[in-house]
């Protein structure tokens, strides 16, 4: 297995600089491929506008052929000015609840990503988190690139350094403590992914519409594992895009994320019974530690290809 991972790393790990923008535009023009960029957003007014502006300026406006055909922000219920800021910067803003209203929305990032397939039309769908700071357009062009130049590649993750304060490479705490051990122990073919939980990845729609979407924080692990089983390791790739700066979660939020990721892995290992889909954490109160119990995400959305509204749109 180690030899297979090393071979994959040599064959399917690239840098964003390996594919210049003019090369990608020419390949895109020749193939007629369309690209949608989706930013799931919840109370991200401080950062979403700058991300949209960079994508519009460097990958849409003024290019002979835009690299990005659709730039969509899916607002999942923000109470700040996220929607207004994103629209002013040049994105099309769609509220999560306006997509597929027949099915009541559940809270969670994966829910937004699943519904975004009905709000976009691109042959390639590129997801980018909306809380990134000092955003580089290489986060988009880098991961879209292999899907325009390598016909056999179907799923591309971004890889990057994730500093935590002044400590380089210490930002991916849930990755290192939960996701990486799970992948190495149970799906060793995926051991070569540097950022398996990263929110920046591009996927061919033809694959995404066949995958289940965990509705919460487990979505990145679930999609990666299911893509492996659906199309095989050689259809997966990763691209180095530099450094990712973003807002870090506190320890309690990370605990809830870790529980959701473990649950996602457990379902894929056994499709069996969850002993207790809840997580109890402790906060210090005036009289000592107070327990707080949170539900662990237990819902998954089915492959979009089986949703009647999506199927009707494809026929049309």
C-alpha atoms as a PDB file:
ATOM      1  CA  UNK A   1       0.000   0.000   0.000  1.00  0.00           C
ATOM      2  CA  UNK A   2       2.874   2.392   0.759  1.00  0.00           C
ATOM      3  CA  UNK A   3       4.213   1.906  -2.748  1.00  0.00           C
ATOM      4  CA  UNK A   4       0.783   2.691  -4.218  1.00  0.00           C
ATOM      5  CA  UNK A   5       0.527   5.906  -2.180  1.00  0.00           C
ATOM      6  CA  UNK A   6       4.038   6.959  -3.208  1.00  0.00           C
ATOM      7  CA  UNK A   7       3.215   6.296  -6.857  1.00  0.00           C
ATOM      8  CA  UNK A   8       0.006   8.294  -6.520  1.00  0.00           C
ATOM      9  CA  UNK A   9       1.857  11.179  -4.895  1.00  0.00           C
ATOM     10  CA  UNK A  10       4.305  11.263  -7.794  1.00  0.00           C
ATOM     11  CA  UNK A  11       1.568  11.022 -10.453  1.00  0.00           C
ATOM     12  CA  UNK A  12      -1.317  12.980  -8.965  1.00  0.00           C
ATOM     13  CA  UNK A  13       0.190  15.765  -6.808  1.00  0.00           C
ATOM     14  CA  UNK A  14       0.936  19.052  -8.522  1.00  0.00           C
ATOM     15  CA  UNK A  15       1.546  22.741  -7.870  1.00  0.00           C
ATOM     16  CA  UNK A  16      -0.785  25.486  -9.078  1.00  0.00           C
ATOM     17  CA  UNK A  17       2.183  26.927 -11.010  1.00  0.00           C
ATOM     18  CA  UNK A  18       2.354  23.767 -13.152  1.00  0.00           C
ATOM     19  CA  UNK A  19      -0.609  24.971 -15.235  1.00  0.00           C
ATOM     20  CA  UNK A  20      -0.451  28.658 -16.297  1.00  0.00           C
ATOM     21  CA  UNK A  21      -3.755  30.463 -16.643  1.00  0.00           C
ATOM     22  CA  UNK A  22      -3.430  30.946 -20.408  1.00  0.00           C
ATOM     23  CA  UNK A  23      -2.989  27.195 -20.834  1.00  0.00           C
ATOM     24  CA  UNK A  24      -6.133  26.513 -18.788  1.00  0.00           C
ATOM     25  CA  UNK A  25      -8.167  29.035 -20.774  1.00  0.00           C
ATOM     26  CA  UNK A  26      -7.098  27.449 -24.055  1.00  0.00           C
ATOM     27  CA  UNK A  27      -7.966  23.938 -22.819  1.00  0.00           C
ATOM     28  CA  UNK A  28     -11.295  25.188 -21.499  1.00  0.00           C
ATOM     29  CA  UNK A  29     -12.119  26.879 -24.790  1.00  0.00           C
ATOM     30  CA  UNK A  30     -11.195  23.802 -26.813  1.00  0.00           C
ATOM     31  CA  UNK A  31     -13.245  21.408 -24.673  1.00  0.00           C
ATOM     32  CA  UNK A  32     -16.205  23.700 -24.057  1.00  0.00           C
ATOM     33  CA  UNK A  33     -16.092  22.870 -20.342  1.00  0.00           C
ATOM     34  CA  UNK A  34     -18.022  25.138 -17.983  1.00  0.00           C
ATOM     35  CA  UNK A  35     -16.909  25.907 -14.426  1.00  0.00           C
ATOM     36  CA  UNK A  36     -19.040  26.911 -11.428  1.00  0.00           C
ATOM     37  CA  UNK A  37     -17.505  28.252  -8.213  1.00  0.00           C
ATOM     38  CA  UNK A  38     -19.609  27.863  -5.066  1.00  0.00           C
ATOM     39  CA  UNK A  39     -18.947  29.663  -1.779  1.00  0.00           C
ATOM     40  CA  UNK A  40     -21.045  28.281   1.097  1.00  0.00           C
ATOM     41  CA  UNK A  41     -21.440  31.165   3.530  1.00  0.00           C
ATOM     42  CA  UNK A  42     -22.822  31.739   7.010  1.00  0.00           C
ATOM     43  CA  UNK A  43     -22.081  35.128   8.593  1.00  0.00           C
ATOM     44  CA  UNK A  44     -18.962  35.784   6.523  1.00  0.00           C
ATOM     45  CA  UNK A  45     -19.435  39.484   5.688  1.00  0.00           C
ATOM     46  CA  UNK A  46     -15.838  40.229   6.730  1.00  0.00           C
ATOM     47  CA  UNK A  47     -14.249  37.995   4.080  1.00  0.00           C
ATOM     48  CA  UNK A  48     -16.705  36.891   1.382  1.00  0.00           C
ATOM     49  CA  UNK A  49     -16.582  40.148  -0.576  1.00  0.00           C
ATOM     50  CA  UNK A  50     -12.818  40.118  -1.028  1.00  0.00           C
ATOM     51  CA  UNK A  51     -12.905  36.496  -2.237  1.00  0.00           C
ATOM     52  CA  UNK A  52     -15.601  37.276  -4.796  1.00  0.00           C
ATOM     53  CA  UNK A  53     -13.728  40.361  -5.992  1.00  0.00           C
ATOM     54  CA  UNK A  54     -10.500  38.416  -6.574  1.00  0.00           C
ATOM     55  CA  UNK A  55     -12.280  35.668  -8.521  1.00  0.00           C
ATOM     56  CA  UNK A  56     -14.159  38.179 -10.658  1.00  0.00           C
ATOM     57  CA  UNK A  57     -11.098  40.321 -11.355  1.00  0.00           C
ATOM     58  CA  UNK A  58      -8.607  37.542 -12.090  1.00  0.00           C
ATOM     59  CA  UNK A  59     -10.705  34.657 -13.432  1.00  0.00           C
ATOM     60  CA  UNK A  60     -13.772  36.237 -15.071  1.00  0.00           C
ATOM     61  CA  UNK A  61     -13.517  39.872 -16.123  1.00  0.00           C
ATOM     62  CA  UNK A  62     -11.141  40.894 -18.886  1.00  0.00           C
ATOM     63  CA  UNK A  63     -10.151  37.365 -19.947  1.00  0.00           C
ATOM     64  CA  UNK A  64     -10.636  36.235 -23.561  1.00  0.00           C
ATOM     65  CA  UNK A  65     -12.544  33.260 -22.165  1.00  0.00           C
ATOM     66  CA  UNK A  66     -13.513  33.416 -18.481  1.00  0.00           C
ATOM     67  CA  UNK A  67     -12.106  30.526 -16.494  1.00  0.00           C
ATOM     68  CA  UNK A  68     -15.129  30.742 -14.181  1.00  0.00           C
ATOM     69  CA  UNK A  69     -18.591  30.796 -15.779  1.00  0.00           C
ATOM     70  CA  UNK A  70     -20.673  30.941 -12.593  1.00  0.00           C
ATOM     71  CA  UNK A  71     -19.788  32.488  -9.238  1.00  0.00           C
ATOM     72  CA  UNK A  72     -22.446  31.650  -6.662  1.00  0.00           C
ATOM     73  CA  UNK A  73     -22.620  32.351  -2.945  1.00  0.00           C
ATOM     74  CA  UNK A  74     -25.056  30.076  -1.116  1.00  0.00           C
ATOM     75  CA  UNK A  75     -26.199  31.873   2.036  1.00  0.00           C
ATOM     76  CA  UNK A  76     -27.265  29.392   4.670  1.00  0.00           C
ATOM     77  CA  UNK A  77     -29.085  31.833   6.946  1.00  0.00           C
ATOM     78  CA  UNK A  78     -26.647  34.640   7.727  1.00  0.00           C
ATOM     79  CA  UNK A  79     -27.735  37.276  10.237  1.00  0.00           C
ATOM     80  CA  UNK A  80     -25.103  39.758   9.070  1.00  0.00           C
ATOM     81  CA  UNK A  81     -24.594  41.435   5.673  1.00  0.00           C
ATOM     82  CA  UNK A  82     -23.050  38.402   3.969  1.00  0.00           C
ATOM     83  CA  UNK A  83     -25.595  38.343   1.129  1.00  0.00           C
ATOM     84  CA  UNK A  84     -25.402  42.073   0.463  1.00  0.00           C
ATOM     85  CA  UNK A  85     -21.593  42.145   0.508  1.00  0.00           C
ATOM     86  CA  UNK A  86     -21.332  39.143  -1.809  1.00  0.00           C
ATOM     87  CA  UNK A  87     -23.841  40.540  -4.292  1.00  0.00           C
ATOM     88  CA  UNK A  88     -22.159  43.957  -4.346  1.00  0.00           C
ATOM     89  CA  UNK A  89     -18.821  42.266  -5.060  1.00  0.00           C
ATOM     90  CA  UNK A  90     -20.296  40.514  -8.099  1.00  0.00           C
ATOM     91  CA  UNK A  91     -21.556  37.099  -7.001  1.00  0.00           C
ATOM     92  CA  UNK A  92     -24.974  35.632  -7.620  1.00  0.00           C
ATOM     93  CA  UNK A  93     -26.406  35.048  -4.151  1.00  0.00           C
ATOM     94  CA  UNK A  94     -28.903  32.264  -3.517  1.00  0.00           C
ATOM     95  CA  UNK A  95     -30.418  31.453  -0.156  1.00  0.00           C
ATOM     96  CA  UNK A  96     -30.172  27.817   0.853  1.00  0.00           C
ATOM     97  CA  UNK A  97     -33.909  27.587   1.598  1.00  0.00           C
ATOM     98  CA  UNK A  98     -34.823  28.778  -1.909  1.00  0.00           C
ATOM     99  CA  UNK A  99     -33.177  25.695  -3.421  1.00  0.00           C
ATOM    100  CA  UNK A 100     -35.309  22.562  -3.471  1.00  0.00           C
ATOM    101  CA  UNK A 101     -37.963  23.989  -1.080  1.00  0.00           C
ATOM    102  CA  UNK A 102     -39.886  20.706  -1.251  1.00  0.00           C
ATOM    103  CA  UNK A 103     -37.289  19.229   1.128  1.00  0.00           C
ATOM    104  CA  UNK A 104     -36.896  21.226   4.375  1.00  0.00           C
ATOM    105  CA  UNK A 105     -33.284  22.300   4.842  1.00  0.00           C
ATOM    106  CA  UNK A 106     -31.128  20.890   7.596  1.00  0.00           C
ATOM    107  CA  UNK A 107     -28.364  22.911   9.269  1.00  0.00           C
ATOM    108  CA  UNK A 108     -24.839  22.177   8.115  1.00  0.00           C
ATOM    109  CA  UNK A 109     -22.260  22.886   5.457  1.00  0.00           C
ATOM    110  CA  UNK A 110     -22.833  19.618   3.592  1.00  0.00           C
ATOM    111  CA  UNK A 111     -26.494  20.501   3.157  1.00  0.00           C
ATOM    112  CA  UNK A 112     -25.501  23.732   1.392  1.00  0.00           C
ATOM    113  CA  UNK A 113     -23.011  21.971  -0.882  1.00  0.00           C
ATOM    114  CA  UNK A 114     -25.585  19.327  -1.836  1.00  0.00           C
ATOM    115  CA  UNK A 115     -28.226  21.927  -2.699  1.00  0.00           C
ATOM    116  CA  UNK A 116     -25.699  23.962  -4.677  1.00  0.00           C
ATOM    117  CA  UNK A 117     -25.807  21.322  -7.422  1.00  0.00           C
ATOM    118  CA  UNK A 118     -29.341  22.489  -8.202  1.00  0.00           C
ATOM    119  CA  UNK A 119     -28.306  26.157  -8.158  1.00  0.00           C
ATOM    120  CA  UNK A 120     -25.424  25.758 -10.619  1.00  0.00           C
ATOM    121  CA  UNK A 121     -24.896  24.296 -14.074  1.00  0.00           C
ATOM    122  CA  UNK A 122     -21.121  23.957 -14.556  1.00  0.00           C
ATOM    123  CA  UNK A 123     -19.522  20.736 -15.775  1.00  0.00           C
ATOM    124  CA  UNK A 124     -16.945  21.306 -13.025  1.00  0.00           C
ATOM    125  CA  UNK A 125     -18.013  22.497  -9.576  1.00  0.00           C
ATOM    126  CA  UNK A 126     -15.382  24.185  -7.421  1.00  0.00           C
ATOM    127  CA  UNK A 127     -16.080  24.701  -3.703  1.00  0.00           C
ATOM    128  CA  UNK A 128     -14.281  27.454  -1.769  1.00  0.00           C
ATOM    129  CA  UNK A 129     -14.825  28.313   1.903  1.00  0.00           C
ATOM    130  CA  UNK A 130     -15.995  31.886   2.453  1.00  0.00           C
ATOM    131  CA  UNK A 131     -13.857  32.662   5.520  1.00  0.00           C
ATOM    132  CA  UNK A 132     -10.458  32.771   3.764  1.00  0.00           C
ATOM    133  CA  UNK A 133      -8.200  35.802   4.256  1.00  0.00           C
ATOM    134  CA  UNK A 134      -5.553  37.075   1.804  1.00  0.00           C
ATOM    135  CA  UNK A 135      -7.290  34.980  -0.833  1.00  0.00           C
ATOM    136  CA  UNK A 136      -5.423  33.947  -3.983  1.00  0.00           C
ATOM    137  CA  UNK A 137      -7.195  33.024  -7.212  1.00  0.00           C
ATOM    138  CA  UNK A 138      -4.819  30.029  -7.369  1.00  0.00           C
ATOM    139  CA  UNK A 139      -7.199  28.375  -4.901  1.00  0.00           C
ATOM    140  CA  UNK A 140      -9.602  28.137  -7.848  1.00  0.00           C
ATOM    141  CA  UNK A 141      -7.396  27.929 -10.945  1.00  0.00           C
ATOM    142  CA  UNK A 142      -5.024  25.496  -9.235  1.00  0.00           C
ATOM    143  CA  UNK A 143      -7.645  22.879  -8.425  1.00  0.00           C
ATOM    144  CA  UNK A 144      -9.723  23.379 -11.559  1.00  0.00           C
ATOM    145  CA  UNK A 145      -6.589  22.999 -13.709  1.00  0.00           C
ATOM    146  CA  UNK A 146      -6.206  19.204 -13.634  1.00  0.00           C
ATOM    147  CA  UNK A 147      -9.885  18.778 -14.533  1.00  0.00           C
ATOM    148  CA  UNK A 148      -9.266  20.795 -17.700  1.00  0.00           C
ATOM    149  CA  UNK A 149      -5.995  19.111 -18.680  1.00  0.00           C
ATOM    150  CA  UNK A 150      -6.225  15.527 -17.368  1.00  0.00           C
ATOM    151  CA  UNK A 151      -9.258  13.633 -18.738  1.00  0.00           C
ATOM    152  CA  UNK A 152      -8.899  10.826 -16.201  1.00  0.00           C
ATOM    153  CA  UNK A 153      -8.966  13.112 -13.139  1.00  0.00           C
ATOM    154  CA  UNK A 154     -12.374  13.683 -11.558  1.00  0.00           C
ATOM    155  CA  UNK A 155     -11.775  15.046  -8.040  1.00  0.00           C
ATOM    156  CA  UNK A 156      -9.075  17.535  -7.002  1.00  0.00           C
ATOM    157  CA  UNK A 157      -8.341  18.749  -3.464  1.00  0.00           C
ATOM    158  CA  UNK A 158      -6.291  21.811  -2.597  1.00  0.00           C
ATOM    159  CA  UNK A 159      -3.297  21.318  -0.329  1.00  0.00           C
ATOM    160  CA  UNK A 160      -1.615  24.125   1.589  1.00  0.00           C
ATOM    161  CA  UNK A 161       0.073  25.189   4.801  1.00  0.00           C
ATOM    162  CA  UNK A 162      -2.352  26.033   7.612  1.00  0.00           C
ATOM    163  CA  UNK A 163      -0.619  28.228  10.197  1.00  0.00           C
ATOM    164  CA  UNK A 164      -2.123  28.644  13.667  1.00  0.00           C
ATOM    165  CA  UNK A 165      -0.960  32.019  14.901  1.00  0.00           C
ATOM    166  CA  UNK A 166       2.813  32.015  14.451  1.00  0.00           C
ATOM    167  CA  UNK A 167       3.027  28.211  14.327  1.00  0.00           C
ATOM    168  CA  UNK A 168       3.306  26.950  10.731  1.00  0.00           C
ATOM    169  CA  UNK A 169       1.342  23.862   9.830  1.00  0.00           C
ATOM    170  CA  UNK A 170      -0.554  23.660  13.130  1.00  0.00           C
ATOM    171  CA  UNK A 171      -3.967  24.818  11.937  1.00  0.00           C
ATOM    172  CA  UNK A 172      -5.378  21.442  10.928  1.00  0.00           C
ATOM    173  CA  UNK A 173      -5.987  20.072  14.395  1.00  0.00           C
ATOM    174  CA  UNK A 174      -9.030  17.915  13.568  1.00  0.00           C
ATOM    175  CA  UNK A 175      -7.219  16.657  10.482  1.00  0.00           C
ATOM    176  CA  UNK A 176      -4.178  15.507  12.445  1.00  0.00           C
ATOM    177  CA  UNK A 177      -6.003  14.134  15.482  1.00  0.00           C
ATOM    178  CA  UNK A 178      -9.016  12.499  13.826  1.00  0.00           C
ATOM    179  CA  UNK A 179      -9.183  12.434  10.036  1.00  0.00           C
ATOM    180  CA  UNK A 180      -5.625  11.440   9.207  1.00  0.00           C
ATOM    181  CA  UNK A 181      -5.552   8.505  11.644  1.00  0.00           C
ATOM    182  CA  UNK A 182      -8.932   7.314  10.368  1.00  0.00           C
ATOM    183  CA  UNK A 183      -7.837   7.469   6.735  1.00  0.00           C
ATOM    184  CA  UNK A 184      -4.489   5.797   7.371  1.00  0.00           C
ATOM    185  CA  UNK A 185      -6.071   2.974   9.344  1.00  0.00           C
ATOM    186  CA  UNK A 186      -9.178   2.335   7.259  1.00  0.00           C
ATOM    187  CA  UNK A 187      -8.587   3.876   3.812  1.00  0.00           C
ATOM    188  CA  UNK A 188      -4.793   3.810   3.449  1.00  0.00           C
ATOM    189  CA  UNK A 189      -5.069   4.611  -0.267  1.00  0.00           C
ATOM    190  CA  UNK A 190      -6.078   8.122   0.823  1.00  0.00           C
ATOM    191  CA  UNK A 191      -3.081   8.559   3.135  1.00  0.00           C
ATOM    192  CA  UNK A 192      -1.348  10.792   0.591  1.00  0.00           C
ATOM    193  CA  UNK A 193      -3.890  13.624   0.862  1.00  0.00           C
ATOM    194  CA  UNK A 194      -2.281  16.531   2.685  1.00  0.00           C
ATOM    195  CA  UNK A 195      -5.569  18.312   3.490  1.00  0.00           C
ATOM    196  CA  UNK A 196      -8.347  15.705   3.384  1.00  0.00           C
ATOM    197  CA  UNK A 197     -10.752  18.002   5.270  1.00  0.00           C
ATOM    198  CA  UNK A 198      -9.951  21.162   3.324  1.00  0.00           C
ATOM    199  CA  UNK A 199     -12.953  23.068   2.011  1.00  0.00           C
ATOM    200  CA  UNK A 200     -11.380  23.872  -1.354  1.00  0.00           C
ATOM    201  CA  UNK A 201     -11.873  21.188  -3.989  1.00  0.00           C
ATOM    202  CA  UNK A 202     -13.114  20.864  -7.555  1.00  0.00           C
ATOM    203  CA  UNK A 203     -15.094  17.911  -8.871  1.00  0.00           C
ATOM    204  CA  UNK A 204     -16.718  16.922 -12.137  1.00  0.00           C
ATOM    205  CA  UNK A 205     -20.479  17.283 -11.815  1.00  0.00           C
ATOM    206  CA  UNK A 206     -20.899  13.808 -13.299  1.00  0.00           C
ATOM    207  CA  UNK A 207     -19.229  12.428 -10.172  1.00  0.00           C
ATOM    208  CA  UNK A 208     -20.739  14.780  -7.579  1.00  0.00           C
ATOM    209  CA  UNK A 209     -24.292  13.952  -8.608  1.00  0.00           C
ATOM    210  CA  UNK A 210     -23.610  10.267  -7.820  1.00  0.00           C
ATOM    211  CA  UNK A 211     -22.343  10.823  -4.259  1.00  0.00           C
ATOM    212  CA  UNK A 212     -24.060  10.989  -0.887  1.00  0.00           C
ATOM    213  CA  UNK A 213     -23.561  14.254   1.051  1.00  0.00           C
ATOM    214  CA  UNK A 214     -23.292  14.182   4.846  1.00  0.00           C
ATOM    215  CA  UNK A 215     -25.157  17.332   5.840  1.00  0.00           C
ATOM    216  CA  UNK A 216     -22.618  18.591   8.386  1.00  0.00           C
ATOM    217  CA  UNK A 217     -18.885  18.795   9.019  1.00  0.00           C
ATOM    218  CA  UNK A 218     -18.313  15.252   7.812  1.00  0.00           C
ATOM    219  CA  UNK A 219     -19.010  16.206   4.191  1.00  0.00           C
ATOM    220  CA  UNK A 220     -15.376  16.516   3.085  1.00  0.00           C
ATOM    221  CA  UNK A 221     -14.356  13.136   4.505  1.00  0.00           C
ATOM    222  CA  UNK A 222     -17.511  11.479   3.188  1.00  0.00           C
ATOM    223  CA  UNK A 223     -17.121  12.796  -0.347  1.00  0.00           C
ATOM    224  CA  UNK A 224     -13.440  11.842  -0.469  1.00  0.00           C
ATOM    225  CA  UNK A 225     -14.014   8.279   0.735  1.00  0.00           C
ATOM    226  CA  UNK A 226     -17.033   7.761  -1.505  1.00  0.00           C
ATOM    227  CA  UNK A 227     -15.177   9.178  -4.514  1.00  0.00           C
ATOM    228  CA  UNK A 228     -12.400   6.664  -3.905  1.00  0.00           C
ATOM    229  CA  UNK A 229     -14.875   3.796  -3.965  1.00  0.00           C
ATOM    230  CA  UNK A 230     -16.765   5.218  -6.951  1.00  0.00           C
ATOM    231  CA  UNK A 231     -13.988   6.163  -9.394  1.00  0.00           C
ATOM    232  CA  UNK A 232     -10.744   4.842  -7.864  1.00  0.00           C
ATOM    233  CA  UNK A 233      -7.565   6.443  -6.558  1.00  0.00           C
ATOM    234  CA  UNK A 234      -6.114   7.483  -9.917  1.00  0.00           C
ATOM    235  CA  UNK A 235      -9.147   9.701 -10.578  1.00  0.00           C
ATOM    236  CA  UNK A 236      -8.290  11.716  -7.451  1.00  0.00           C
ATOM    237  CA  UNK A 237      -5.587  14.380  -7.239  1.00  0.00           C
ATOM    238  CA  UNK A 238      -4.313  17.313  -5.176  1.00  0.00           C
ATOM    239  CA  UNK A 239      -2.693  20.661  -5.990  1.00  0.00           C
ATOM    240  CA  UNK A 240      -0.458  22.845  -3.811  1.00  0.00           C
ATOM    241  CA  UNK A 241      -1.910  26.366  -3.676  1.00  0.00           C
ATOM    242  CA  UNK A 242       0.339  27.868  -0.984  1.00  0.00           C
ATOM    243  CA  UNK A 243      -0.970  29.077   2.391  1.00  0.00           C
ATOM    244  CA  UNK A 244      -4.517  29.074   3.751  1.00  0.00           C
ATOM    245  CA  UNK A 245      -5.409  31.775   6.280  1.00  0.00           C
ATOM    246  CA  UNK A 246      -8.836  31.703   7.888  1.00  0.00           C
ATOM    247  CA  UNK A 247     -10.765  32.020  11.130  1.00  0.00           C
ATOM    248  CA  UNK A 248      -9.953  29.179  13.534  1.00  0.00           C
ATOM    249  CA  UNK A 249     -12.578  27.453  15.657  1.00  0.00           C
ATOM    250  CA  UNK A 250     -12.348  27.087  19.425  1.00  0.00           C
ATOM    251  CA  UNK A 251     -11.689  23.744  21.070  1.00  0.00           C
ATOM    252  CA  UNK A 252     -15.324  22.943  21.755  1.00  0.00           C
ATOM    253  CA  UNK A 253     -16.336  23.556  18.141  1.00  0.00           C
ATOM    254  CA  UNK A 254     -13.439  21.369  17.030  1.00  0.00           C
ATOM    255  CA  UNK A 255     -14.735  18.619  19.301  1.00  0.00           C
ATOM    256  CA  UNK A 256     -18.114  18.716  17.579  1.00  0.00           C
ATOM    257  CA  UNK A 257     -16.433  18.676  14.188  1.00  0.00           C
ATOM    258  CA  UNK A 258     -14.349  15.676  15.230  1.00  0.00           C
ATOM    259  CA  UNK A 259     -17.432  13.786  16.388  1.00  0.00           C
ATOM    260  CA  UNK A 260     -19.207  14.421  13.076  1.00  0.00           C
ATOM    261  CA  UNK A 261     -16.165  13.256  11.116  1.00  0.00           C
ATOM    262  CA  UNK A 262     -15.825  10.109  13.207  1.00  0.00           C
ATOM    263  CA  UNK A 263     -19.520   9.384  12.713  1.00  0.00           C
ATOM    264  CA  UNK A 264     -19.165   9.843   8.946  1.00  0.00           C
ATOM    265  CA  UNK A 265     -16.298   7.365   8.901  1.00  0.00           C
ATOM    266  CA  UNK A 266     -18.184   4.933  11.123  1.00  0.00           C
ATOM    267  CA  UNK A 267     -21.168   4.882   8.776  1.00  0.00           C
ATOM    268  CA  UNK A 268     -18.924   4.167   5.818  1.00  0.00           C
ATOM    269  CA  UNK A 269     -17.163   1.392   7.662  1.00  0.00           C
ATOM    270  CA  UNK A 270     -20.248  -0.402   8.873  1.00  0.00           C
ATOM    271  CA  UNK A 271     -23.420   1.325   7.653  1.00  0.00           C
ATOM    272  CA  UNK A 272     -24.502   0.097  11.040  1.00  0.00           C
ATOM    273  CA  UNK A 273     -25.966   1.240  14.333  1.00  0.00           C
ATOM    274  CA  UNK A 274     -24.856   4.453  16.006  1.00  0.00           C
ATOM    275  CA  UNK A 275     -24.489   3.729  19.710  1.00  0.00           C
ATOM    276  CA  UNK A 276     -25.091   7.333  20.786  1.00  0.00           C
ATOM    277  CA  UNK A 277     -25.232  10.103  18.176  1.00  0.00           C
ATOM    278  CA  UNK A 278     -24.562  12.795  20.788  1.00  0.00           C
ATOM    279  CA  UNK A 279     -21.489  14.491  22.232  1.00  0.00           C
ATOM    280  CA  UNK A 280     -21.275  15.851  25.785  1.00  0.00           C
ATOM    281  CA  UNK A 281     -18.767  18.622  26.421  1.00  0.00           C
ATOM    282  CA  UNK A 282     -18.027  20.632  29.574  1.00  0.00           C
ATOM    283  CA  UNK A 283     -17.921  24.340  30.242  1.00  0.00           C
ATOM    284  CA  UNK A 284     -16.888  25.904  33.522  1.00  0.00           C
ATOM    285  CA  UNK A 285     -19.712  27.774  35.231  1.00  0.00           C
ATOM    286  CA  UNK A 286     -19.842  29.690  38.510  1.00  0.00           C
ATOM    287  CA  UNK A 287     -20.459  26.459  40.434  1.00  0.00           C
ATOM    288  CA  UNK A 288     -18.089  24.176  38.517  1.00  0.00           C
ATOM    289  CA  UNK A 289     -18.198  22.314  35.220  1.00  0.00           C
ATOM    290  CA  UNK A 290     -21.520  22.274  33.384  1.00  0.00           C
ATOM    291  CA  UNK A 291     -22.253  19.544  30.812  1.00  0.00           C
ATOM    292  CA  UNK A 292     -23.550  20.576  27.403  1.00  0.00           C
ATOM    293  CA  UNK A 293     -24.807  17.870  25.067  1.00  0.00           C
ATOM    294  CA  UNK A 294     -24.944  18.382  21.311  1.00  0.00           C
ATOM    295  CA  UNK A 295     -26.384  16.119  18.623  1.00  0.00           C
ATOM    296  CA  UNK A 296     -23.880  14.646  16.171  1.00  0.00           C
ATOM    297  CA  UNK A 297     -24.925  15.039  12.547  1.00  0.00           C
ATOM    298  CA  UNK A 298     -26.689  11.837  11.540  1.00  0.00           C
ATOM    299  CA  UNK A 299     -28.335  12.842   8.282  1.00  0.00           C
ATOM    300  CA  UNK A 300     -27.012  12.360   4.769  1.00  0.00           C
ATOM    301  CA  UNK A 301     -28.499  13.531   1.510  1.00  0.00           C
ATOM    302  CA  UNK A 302     -28.861  10.974  -1.296  1.00  0.00           C
ATOM    303  CA  UNK A 303     -27.070  11.339  -4.636  1.00  0.00           C
ATOM    304  CA  UNK A 304     -28.462  14.368  -6.447  1.00  0.00           C
ATOM    305  CA  UNK A 305     -28.972  12.274  -9.573  1.00  0.00           C
ATOM    306  CA  UNK A 306     -31.960  10.660  -7.826  1.00  0.00           C
ATOM    307  CA  UNK A 307     -33.744  13.942  -7.011  1.00  0.00           C
ATOM    308  CA  UNK A 308     -36.670  14.475  -9.390  1.00  0.00           C
ATOM    309  CA  UNK A 309     -36.158  18.248  -9.760  1.00  0.00           C
ATOM    310  CA  UNK A 310     -32.544  17.690 -10.736  1.00  0.00           C
ATOM    311  CA  UNK A 311     -33.444  14.912 -13.156  1.00  0.00           C
ATOM    312  CA  UNK A 312     -36.117  17.098 -14.809  1.00  0.00           C
ATOM    313  CA  UNK A 313     -33.613  19.913 -15.272  1.00  0.00           C
ATOM    314  CA  UNK A 314     -31.143  17.581 -16.950  1.00  0.00           C
ATOM    315  CA  UNK A 315     -33.788  16.339 -19.347  1.00  0.00           C
ATOM    316  CA  UNK A 316     -34.821  19.906 -20.141  1.00  0.00           C
END
